[in-house]
């Protein structure tokens, strides 16, 4: 199994992912939020790159008239939206049985970059082992797209990729090979993953979130393997992956 990690979505040509198995990571916070929302009963998440698309879908598509609009720009809720991009907002009482149309600064754009892949999973620290298990069952080469932050590398995304590679290598050993960034991510997770807060606290994105009073979101998003849920993108919407895939 070859695992290729991209530092941020601007480095990805969608054609590179055509027909492949892809994982999109935006640990702070989109993929953590999607995982939490689906685990709490959200019927489906519709990722859109632009806020105008979110308003248009709810206005023009009858099936989405009762959908929640969620998302952020520069960590702040988008004016006119119902919710922001915090996984803590999407409780079962709020999201259970409803569709969420989500637009974020980085994560939903990264999902759009992967649209030509044959399978698109959404991963984060919260579900890293569950995603890795799904990848191992498929037994195919994997391309991991880190969302990054406004065109820059984000350590929390890369170390999340490293967590997934850690589990793949536990099961596959030398059968799992990585590009250089994947190797770096794996070694970083193995060396520093026991203190995720200490690793990420000095980073720019962590600091930005602290300045915007998002310490609770940080604490939630850096938890390892608190979820067994694996979001998968199918026909433009994200749902929970079924357990029907054959095991390796």
Protein backbone atom coordinates (compact mmCIF):
# COMPACT_ATOMS: atom_id res chain seq x y z
CA UNK A 1 0.00 0.00 0.00
CA UNK A 2 1.38 3.39 -1.05
CA UNK A 3 0.29 6.34 1.10
CA UNK A 4 0.79 9.82 -0.33
CA UNK A 5 0.23 12.84 1.92
CA UNK A 6 -0.30 16.37 0.57
CA UNK A 7 0.53 19.24 2.92
CA UNK A 8 -2.47 21.34 1.91
CA UNK A 9 -5.22 21.27 -0.67
CA UNK A 10 -3.78 23.97 -2.92
CA UNK A 11 -0.99 21.52 -3.80
CA UNK A 12 -3.50 19.03 -5.24
CA UNK A 13 -4.61 18.76 -8.85
CA UNK A 14 -8.02 17.01 -8.73
CA UNK A 15 -6.93 14.83 -11.63
CA UNK A 16 -4.18 13.37 -9.41
CA UNK A 17 -6.88 11.87 -7.21
CA UNK A 18 -9.08 10.53 -10.01
CA UNK A 19 -10.07 6.93 -9.31
CA UNK A 20 -8.10 6.76 -6.07
CA UNK A 21 -8.98 6.24 -2.41
CA UNK A 22 -8.72 9.65 -0.74
CA UNK A 23 -8.87 10.96 2.82
CA UNK A 24 -9.50 14.64 3.54
CA UNK A 25 -8.28 15.98 6.89
CA UNK A 26 -9.17 19.31 8.50
CA UNK A 27 -8.72 18.57 12.18
CA UNK A 28 -9.26 22.22 13.24
CA UNK A 29 -12.21 21.87 12.61
CA UNK A 30 -14.31 20.79 9.61
CA UNK A 31 -13.69 17.05 9.55
CA UNK A 32 -13.94 16.87 13.34
CA UNK A 33 -17.26 18.72 13.11
CA UNK A 34 -18.63 16.47 10.36
CA UNK A 35 -17.65 13.37 12.33
CA UNK A 36 -19.40 14.69 15.46
CA UNK A 37 -22.52 15.77 13.57
CA UNK A 38 -22.97 12.41 11.85
CA UNK A 39 -22.30 10.52 15.06
CA UNK A 40 -25.06 12.56 16.69
CA UNK A 41 -27.64 11.59 14.10
CA UNK A 42 -27.20 14.14 11.30
CA UNK A 43 -28.90 12.70 8.21
CA UNK A 44 -26.25 14.02 5.81
CA UNK A 45 -23.72 16.81 5.44
CA UNK A 46 -23.59 18.74 2.18
CA UNK A 47 -20.14 20.34 1.85
CA UNK A 48 -19.97 23.49 -0.27
CA UNK A 49 -16.98 25.69 -0.96
CA UNK A 50 -18.84 29.01 -1.04
CA UNK A 51 -21.38 30.44 1.39
CA UNK A 52 -23.54 31.62 -1.50
CA UNK A 53 -23.97 27.99 -2.55
CA UNK A 54 -25.24 27.11 0.92
CA UNK A 55 -27.90 29.83 0.84
CA UNK A 56 -28.90 28.85 -2.71
CA UNK A 57 -29.25 25.14 -1.93
CA UNK A 58 -31.53 25.77 1.04
CA UNK A 59 -33.58 28.25 -0.95
CA UNK A 60 -33.92 26.27 -4.20
CA UNK A 61 -33.81 22.57 -3.28
CA UNK A 62 -37.04 21.40 -1.62
CA UNK A 63 -35.29 18.56 0.24
CA UNK A 64 -33.01 21.11 1.92
CA UNK A 65 -35.62 23.67 3.02
CA UNK A 66 -35.29 22.52 6.64
CA UNK A 67 -31.51 22.05 6.51
CA UNK A 68 -29.21 23.78 8.95
CA UNK A 69 -26.57 26.10 7.51
CA UNK A 70 -23.25 25.68 9.29
CA UNK A 71 -19.78 27.03 8.77
CA UNK A 72 -17.26 29.77 9.33
CA UNK A 73 -14.89 32.25 7.82
CA UNK A 74 -11.74 33.07 9.82
CA UNK A 75 -13.10 30.91 12.69
CA UNK A 76 -16.31 33.01 13.03
CA UNK A 77 -19.85 31.93 12.18
CA UNK A 78 -21.00 33.16 8.77
CA UNK A 79 -23.69 35.88 9.07
CA UNK A 80 -27.09 34.38 8.31
CA UNK A 81 -26.00 30.82 9.15
CA UNK A 82 -27.58 28.78 11.94
CA UNK A 83 -24.37 27.32 13.37
CA UNK A 84 -20.63 27.75 13.23
CA UNK A 85 -17.93 25.14 12.74
CA UNK A 86 -17.62 23.80 16.27
CA UNK A 87 -18.09 20.07 16.82
CA UNK A 88 -19.57 20.96 20.21
CA UNK A 89 -22.50 22.75 18.57
CA UNK A 90 -23.80 19.68 16.80
CA UNK A 91 -25.55 17.87 19.61
CA UNK A 92 -28.13 15.15 18.96
CA UNK A 93 -30.87 17.55 20.05
CA UNK A 94 -29.81 20.09 17.45
CA UNK A 95 -28.74 17.98 14.47
CA UNK A 96 -30.48 14.62 14.89
CA UNK A 97 -32.38 13.70 11.71
CA UNK A 98 -31.49 16.94 9.91
CA UNK A 99 -29.34 17.80 6.92
CA UNK A 100 -26.38 20.13 7.46
CA UNK A 101 -25.10 22.31 4.62
CA UNK A 102 -21.54 23.17 5.61
CA UNK A 103 -19.12 25.77 4.24
CA UNK A 104 -15.74 26.41 5.87
CA UNK A 105 -12.58 28.35 5.13
CA UNK A 106 -10.46 25.30 4.31
CA UNK A 107 -12.08 21.91 4.85
CA UNK A 108 -14.96 21.99 2.40
CA UNK A 109 -12.63 23.34 -0.29
CA UNK A 110 -10.34 20.36 0.33
CA UNK A 111 -13.29 17.99 -0.09
CA UNK A 112 -14.04 19.61 -3.44
CA UNK A 113 -10.46 18.94 -4.56
CA UNK A 114 -11.03 15.21 -3.99
CA UNK A 115 -14.31 14.97 -5.90
CA UNK A 116 -12.84 12.74 -8.66
CA UNK A 117 -11.61 10.10 -6.23
CA UNK A 118 -13.43 6.76 -6.23
CA UNK A 119 -13.79 6.88 -2.43
CA UNK A 120 -13.52 9.96 -0.20
CA UNK A 121 -13.29 9.57 3.57
CA UNK A 122 -13.11 12.39 6.11
CA UNK A 123 -10.62 11.97 8.92
CA UNK A 124 -9.24 13.70 11.99
CA UNK A 125 -7.58 12.76 15.25
CA UNK A 126 -10.95 11.82 16.74
CA UNK A 127 -11.46 8.95 14.27
CA UNK A 128 -7.94 8.23 13.00
CA UNK A 129 -7.90 4.53 13.87
CA UNK A 130 -11.40 3.98 12.45
CA UNK A 131 -10.41 5.63 9.16
CA UNK A 132 -7.18 3.64 9.02
CA UNK A 133 -9.13 0.43 9.55
CA UNK A 134 -11.39 1.33 6.63
CA UNK A 135 -8.37 2.02 4.43
CA UNK A 136 -6.75 -1.26 5.44
CA UNK A 137 -9.91 -3.15 4.52
CA UNK A 138 -9.93 -1.59 1.07
CA UNK A 139 -6.31 -2.54 0.56
CA UNK A 140 -5.71 0.16 -2.07
CA UNK A 141 -3.20 2.96 -2.38
CA UNK A 142 -4.27 6.04 -0.43
CA UNK A 143 -3.94 9.77 -1.03
CA UNK A 144 -4.37 11.96 2.05
CA UNK A 145 -5.26 15.61 1.46
CA UNK A 146 -4.53 17.91 4.40
CA UNK A 147 -6.69 21.02 4.21
CA UNK A 148 -4.11 23.40 5.64
CA UNK A 149 -5.00 26.93 6.68
CA UNK A 150 -5.47 29.64 4.08
CA UNK A 151 -2.84 28.16 1.79
CA UNK A 152 -0.40 27.25 4.56
CA UNK A 153 0.73 23.95 6.05
CA UNK A 154 -1.08 23.06 9.31
CA UNK A 155 0.62 20.71 11.74
CA UNK A 156 -2.61 19.35 13.23
CA UNK A 157 -3.66 17.99 9.83
CA UNK A 158 -0.29 16.41 9.11
CA UNK A 159 -0.02 14.73 12.52
CA UNK A 160 -3.55 13.38 12.00
CA UNK A 161 -2.31 11.81 8.77
CA UNK A 162 0.60 10.43 10.78
CA UNK A 163 -1.82 8.80 13.22
CA UNK A 164 -3.55 6.98 10.37
CA UNK A 165 -0.23 5.85 8.93
CA UNK A 166 0.79 4.64 12.40
CA UNK A 167 -2.15 2.23 12.48
CA UNK A 168 -1.65 1.13 8.88
CA UNK A 169 1.97 0.31 9.65
CA UNK A 170 0.99 -1.58 12.79
CA UNK A 171 -1.09 -3.88 10.62
CA UNK A 172 0.96 -3.86 7.43
CA UNK A 173 4.55 -3.16 8.42
CA UNK A 174 6.78 -2.84 5.39
CA UNK A 175 3.83 -3.39 3.09
CA UNK A 176 2.83 0.24 3.81
CA UNK A 177 5.14 2.79 2.17
CA UNK A 178 4.83 6.58 2.22
CA UNK A 179 6.04 9.65 0.42
CA UNK A 180 8.44 11.83 2.40
CA UNK A 181 5.70 13.91 4.02
CA UNK A 182 3.85 10.75 5.01
CA UNK A 183 7.02 9.36 6.57
CA UNK A 184 7.55 12.64 8.45
CA UNK A 185 3.93 12.65 9.65
CA UNK A 186 4.22 9.06 10.87
CA UNK A 187 7.45 9.70 12.77
CA UNK A 188 6.02 12.91 14.25
CA UNK A 189 2.97 11.09 15.56
CA UNK A 190 5.04 8.27 17.00
CA UNK A 191 7.45 10.68 18.67
CA UNK A 192 5.04 13.31 19.97
CA UNK A 193 1.51 11.91 19.71
CA UNK A 194 1.31 11.15 23.43
CA UNK A 195 1.27 14.92 24.12
CA UNK A 196 -0.84 16.33 21.32
CA UNK A 197 -1.53 19.57 23.16
CA UNK A 198 2.18 20.14 23.77
CA UNK A 199 2.96 19.45 20.13
CA UNK A 200 0.31 21.76 18.69
CA UNK A 201 0.21 24.59 21.24
CA UNK A 202 3.10 26.56 19.61
CA UNK A 203 1.48 26.44 16.15
CA UNK A 204 -0.14 29.40 14.46
CA UNK A 205 -3.56 27.83 13.96
CA UNK A 206 -3.76 26.75 17.61
CA UNK A 207 -2.89 30.31 18.64
CA UNK A 208 -5.51 31.80 16.35
CA UNK A 209 -8.17 29.56 17.82
CA UNK A 210 -7.15 30.48 21.37
CA UNK A 211 -7.41 34.19 20.53
CA UNK A 212 -10.94 33.53 19.28
CA UNK A 213 -12.02 31.80 22.51
CA UNK A 214 -12.05 28.32 20.97
CA UNK A 215 -10.06 26.49 23.66
CA UNK A 216 -12.91 24.00 24.17
CA UNK A 217 -12.89 23.17 20.47
CA UNK A 218 -9.14 22.61 20.57
CA UNK A 219 -9.47 20.29 23.56
CA UNK A 220 -12.15 18.30 21.75
CA UNK A 221 -10.41 18.10 18.38
CA UNK A 222 -7.07 16.83 19.72
CA UNK A 223 -8.62 13.79 21.40
CA UNK A 224 -7.43 10.57 19.80
CA UNK A 225 -9.88 7.86 18.75
CA UNK A 226 -12.95 9.02 20.62
CA UNK A 227 -15.08 8.09 17.60
CA UNK A 228 -15.50 4.95 15.52
CA UNK A 229 -17.48 6.83 12.89
CA UNK A 230 -16.09 7.23 9.37
CA UNK A 231 -17.69 9.89 7.16
CA UNK A 232 -17.72 9.07 3.45
CA UNK A 233 -18.62 11.41 0.59
CA UNK A 234 -21.09 9.92 -1.88
CA UNK A 235 -22.87 11.80 -4.65
CA UNK A 236 -22.08 15.19 -3.16
CA UNK A 237 -23.16 14.41 0.38
CA UNK A 238 -21.31 13.05 3.38
CA UNK A 239 -22.85 10.19 5.34
CA UNK A 240 -21.56 7.53 7.72
CA UNK A 241 -19.72 4.72 5.96
CA UNK A 242 -21.53 1.41 6.25
CA UNK A 243 -20.00 -1.75 7.68
CA UNK A 244 -20.68 -3.68 4.47
CA UNK A 245 -17.24 -3.38 2.90
CA UNK A 246 -15.39 -6.67 2.76
CA UNK A 247 -12.52 -7.09 5.18
CA UNK A 248 -9.03 -7.52 3.83
